[in-house]
Amino acid sequence: MSTQIELSIKRMTRLDGNGTLKAYCDVAIAESFVIKSFKVIDGKNGLFVSMPREQGKNGMWYDTVAPLTKQVREHLSHIVLDAYASDKPLGE
């Protein structure tokens, strides 16, 4: 199935400074659900999108949202990184 999921950025908070965390954002799915706390990270190989996470009782961090296919992950990354690169304010 190659149906494109309707994703939009509802809030993008860009961070100043030299750290690897560059922004937080909230993503809407089909204007029906909002998933909060995606992160834009500047890693060794450039910018990437980190899924929302929470820390377990064992001290390990676990993603709370996981795309089921590579295509969905790539689409999500494209939408988030394009919004991050734009000068358009998104709910900041």
C-alpha atoms as a PDB file:
ATOM      1  CA  MET A   1       0.000   0.000   0.000  1.00  0.00           C
ATOM      2  CA  SER A   2       1.472   3.352  -1.017  1.00  0.00           C
ATOM      3  CA  THR A   3      -1.084   5.686   0.544  1.00  0.00           C
ATOM      4  CA  GLN A   4       0.576   8.880   1.765  1.00  0.00           C
ATOM      5  CA  ILE A   5      -0.299   9.767   5.353  1.00  0.00           C
ATOM      6  CA  GLU A   6      -1.386  13.378   5.858  1.00  0.00           C
ATOM      7  CA  LEU A   7       1.103  14.893   8.306  1.00  0.00           C
ATOM      8  CA  SER A   8       1.483  18.520   9.347  1.00  0.00           C
ATOM      9  CA  ILE A   9       3.574  20.395  11.875  1.00  0.00           C
ATOM     10  CA  LYS A  10       1.502  22.087  14.577  1.00  0.00           C
ATOM     11  CA  ARG A  11       4.320  23.567  16.657  1.00  0.00           C
ATOM     12  CA  MET A  12       8.044  23.968  16.076  1.00  0.00           C
ATOM     13  CA  THR A  13      10.225  25.324  18.881  1.00  0.00           C
ATOM     14  CA  ARG A  14      13.741  26.035  17.652  1.00  0.00           C
ATOM     15  CA  LEU A  15      16.520  26.141  20.250  1.00  0.00           C
ATOM     16  CA  ASP A  16      19.550  28.421  20.269  1.00  0.00           C
ATOM     17  CA  GLY A  17      22.978  27.257  21.289  1.00  0.00           C
ATOM     18  CA  ASN A  18      25.661  24.795  20.319  1.00  0.00           C
ATOM     19  CA  GLY A  19      24.022  21.613  21.615  1.00  0.00           C
ATOM     20  CA  THR A  20      22.890  18.749  19.417  1.00  0.00           C
ATOM     21  CA  LEU A  21      19.181  19.302  20.184  1.00  0.00           C
ATOM     22  CA  LYS A  22      17.997  21.881  17.641  1.00  0.00           C
ATOM     23  CA  ALA A  23      14.178  21.843  17.964  1.00  0.00           C
ATOM     24  CA  TYR A  24      11.064  20.205  19.354  1.00  0.00           C
ATOM     25  CA  CYS A  25       7.904  19.806  17.319  1.00  0.00           C
ATOM     26  CA  ASP A  26       4.374  18.416  17.432  1.00  0.00           C
ATOM     27  CA  VAL A  27       3.022  16.540  14.404  1.00  0.00           C
ATOM     28  CA  ALA A  28      -0.662  16.186  13.465  1.00  0.00           C
ATOM     29  CA  ILE A  29      -1.915  13.088  11.680  1.00  0.00           C
ATOM     30  CA  ALA A  30      -4.805  13.771   9.274  1.00  0.00           C
ATOM     31  CA  GLU A  31      -5.761  16.796  11.404  1.00  0.00           C
ATOM     32  CA  SER A  32      -7.186  14.275  13.894  1.00  0.00           C
ATOM     33  CA  PHE A  33      -4.345  13.397  16.302  1.00  0.00           C
ATOM     34  CA  VAL A  34      -1.300  15.272  17.570  1.00  0.00           C
ATOM     35  CA  ILE A  35       1.873  13.514  18.632  1.00  0.00           C
ATOM     36  CA  LYS A  36       4.073  15.721  20.794  1.00  0.00           C
ATOM     37  CA  SER A  37       7.812  15.966  21.366  1.00  0.00           C
ATOM     38  CA  PHE A  38       9.509  14.917  18.168  1.00  0.00           C
ATOM     39  CA  LYS A  39      13.061  16.280  18.237  1.00  0.00           C
ATOM     40  CA  VAL A  40      15.407  17.591  15.554  1.00  0.00           C
ATOM     41  CA  ILE A  41      18.916  16.411  16.438  1.00  0.00           C
ATOM     42  CA  ASP A  42      22.233  17.398  14.842  1.00  0.00           C
ATOM     43  CA  GLY A  43      24.073  14.070  14.800  1.00  0.00           C
ATOM     44  CA  LYS A  44      27.371  12.852  13.344  1.00  0.00           C
ATOM     45  CA  ASN A  45      25.749  12.439   9.908  1.00  0.00           C
ATOM     46  CA  GLY A  46      23.669  15.632   9.956  1.00  0.00           C
ATOM     47  CA  LEU A  47      20.140  16.469  11.064  1.00  0.00           C
ATOM     48  CA  PHE A  48      17.662  13.726  11.887  1.00  0.00           C
ATOM     49  CA  VAL A  49      14.280  13.362  13.589  1.00  0.00           C
ATOM     50  CA  SER A  50      14.135  11.564  16.935  1.00  0.00           C
ATOM     51  CA  MET A  51      10.888   9.941  18.012  1.00  0.00           C
ATOM     52  CA  PRO A  52       9.178  10.912  21.295  1.00  0.00           C
ATOM     53  CA  ARG A  53      10.677   8.865  24.150  1.00  0.00           C
ATOM     54  CA  GLU A  54      10.201   8.125  27.801  1.00  0.00           C
ATOM     55  CA  GLN A  55      12.524   6.684  30.382  1.00  0.00           C
ATOM     56  CA  GLY A  56      11.686   3.263  31.786  1.00  0.00           C
ATOM     57  CA  LYS A  57      12.128   2.205  35.402  1.00  0.00           C
ATOM     58  CA  ASN A  58      15.380   0.521  34.361  1.00  0.00           C
ATOM     59  CA  GLY A  59      16.853   3.882  33.266  1.00  0.00           C
ATOM     60  CA  MET A  60      16.734   2.999  29.551  1.00  0.00           C
ATOM     61  CA  TRP A  61      14.967   5.284  27.043  1.00  0.00           C
ATOM     62  CA  TYR A  62      12.191   3.878  24.837  1.00  0.00           C
ATOM     63  CA  ASP A  63      10.452   5.368  21.791  1.00  0.00           C
ATOM     64  CA  THR A  64       6.739   5.919  22.467  1.00  0.00           C
ATOM     65  CA  VAL A  65       5.948   6.354  18.752  1.00  0.00           C
ATOM     66  CA  ALA A  66       7.294   4.147  15.977  1.00  0.00           C
ATOM     67  CA  PRO A  67       6.588   4.365  12.232  1.00  0.00           C
ATOM     68  CA  LEU A  68       5.738   0.910  10.907  1.00  0.00           C
ATOM     69  CA  THR A  69       7.452   1.328   7.541  1.00  0.00           C
ATOM     70  CA  LYS A  70      10.584   2.954   6.182  1.00  0.00           C
ATOM     71  CA  GLN A  71       8.428   5.058   3.839  1.00  0.00           C
ATOM     72  CA  VAL A  72       6.412   6.527   6.731  1.00  0.00           C
ATOM     73  CA  ARG A  73       9.616   7.298   8.679  1.00  0.00           C
ATOM     74  CA  GLU A  74      11.107   9.025   5.613  1.00  0.00           C
ATOM     75  CA  HIS A  75       7.902  11.015   4.992  1.00  0.00           C
ATOM     76  CA  LEU A  76       7.810  12.126   8.652  1.00  0.00           C
ATOM     77  CA  SER A  77      11.495  13.113   8.567  1.00  0.00           C
ATOM     78  CA  HIS A  78      10.992  15.066   5.343  1.00  0.00           C
ATOM     79  CA  ILE A  79       8.007  17.019   6.752  1.00  0.00           C
ATOM     80  CA  VAL A  80       9.768  17.822  10.053  1.00  0.00           C
ATOM     81  CA  LEU A  81      13.156  18.764   8.559  1.00  0.00           C
ATOM     82  CA  ASP A  82      11.526  20.943   5.867  1.00  0.00           C
ATOM     83  CA  ALA A  83       9.584  22.798   8.581  1.00  0.00           C
ATOM     84  CA  TYR A  84      12.760  23.189  10.646  1.00  0.00           C
ATOM     85  CA  ALA A  85      14.653  24.618   7.659  1.00  0.00           C
ATOM     86  CA  SER A  86      11.912  27.100   6.782  1.00  0.00           C
ATOM     87  CA  ASP A  87      11.763  30.565   8.306  1.00  0.00           C
ATOM     88  CA  LYS A  88       8.039  30.243   8.857  1.00  0.00           C
ATOM     89  CA  PRO A  89       7.078  30.350  12.565  1.00  0.00           C
ATOM     90  CA  LEU A  90       4.993  27.336  13.615  1.00  0.00           C
ATOM     91  CA  GLY A  91       3.269  27.978  16.914  1.00  0.00           C
ATOM     92  CA  GLU A  92       6.447  29.163  18.666  1.00  0.00           C
END
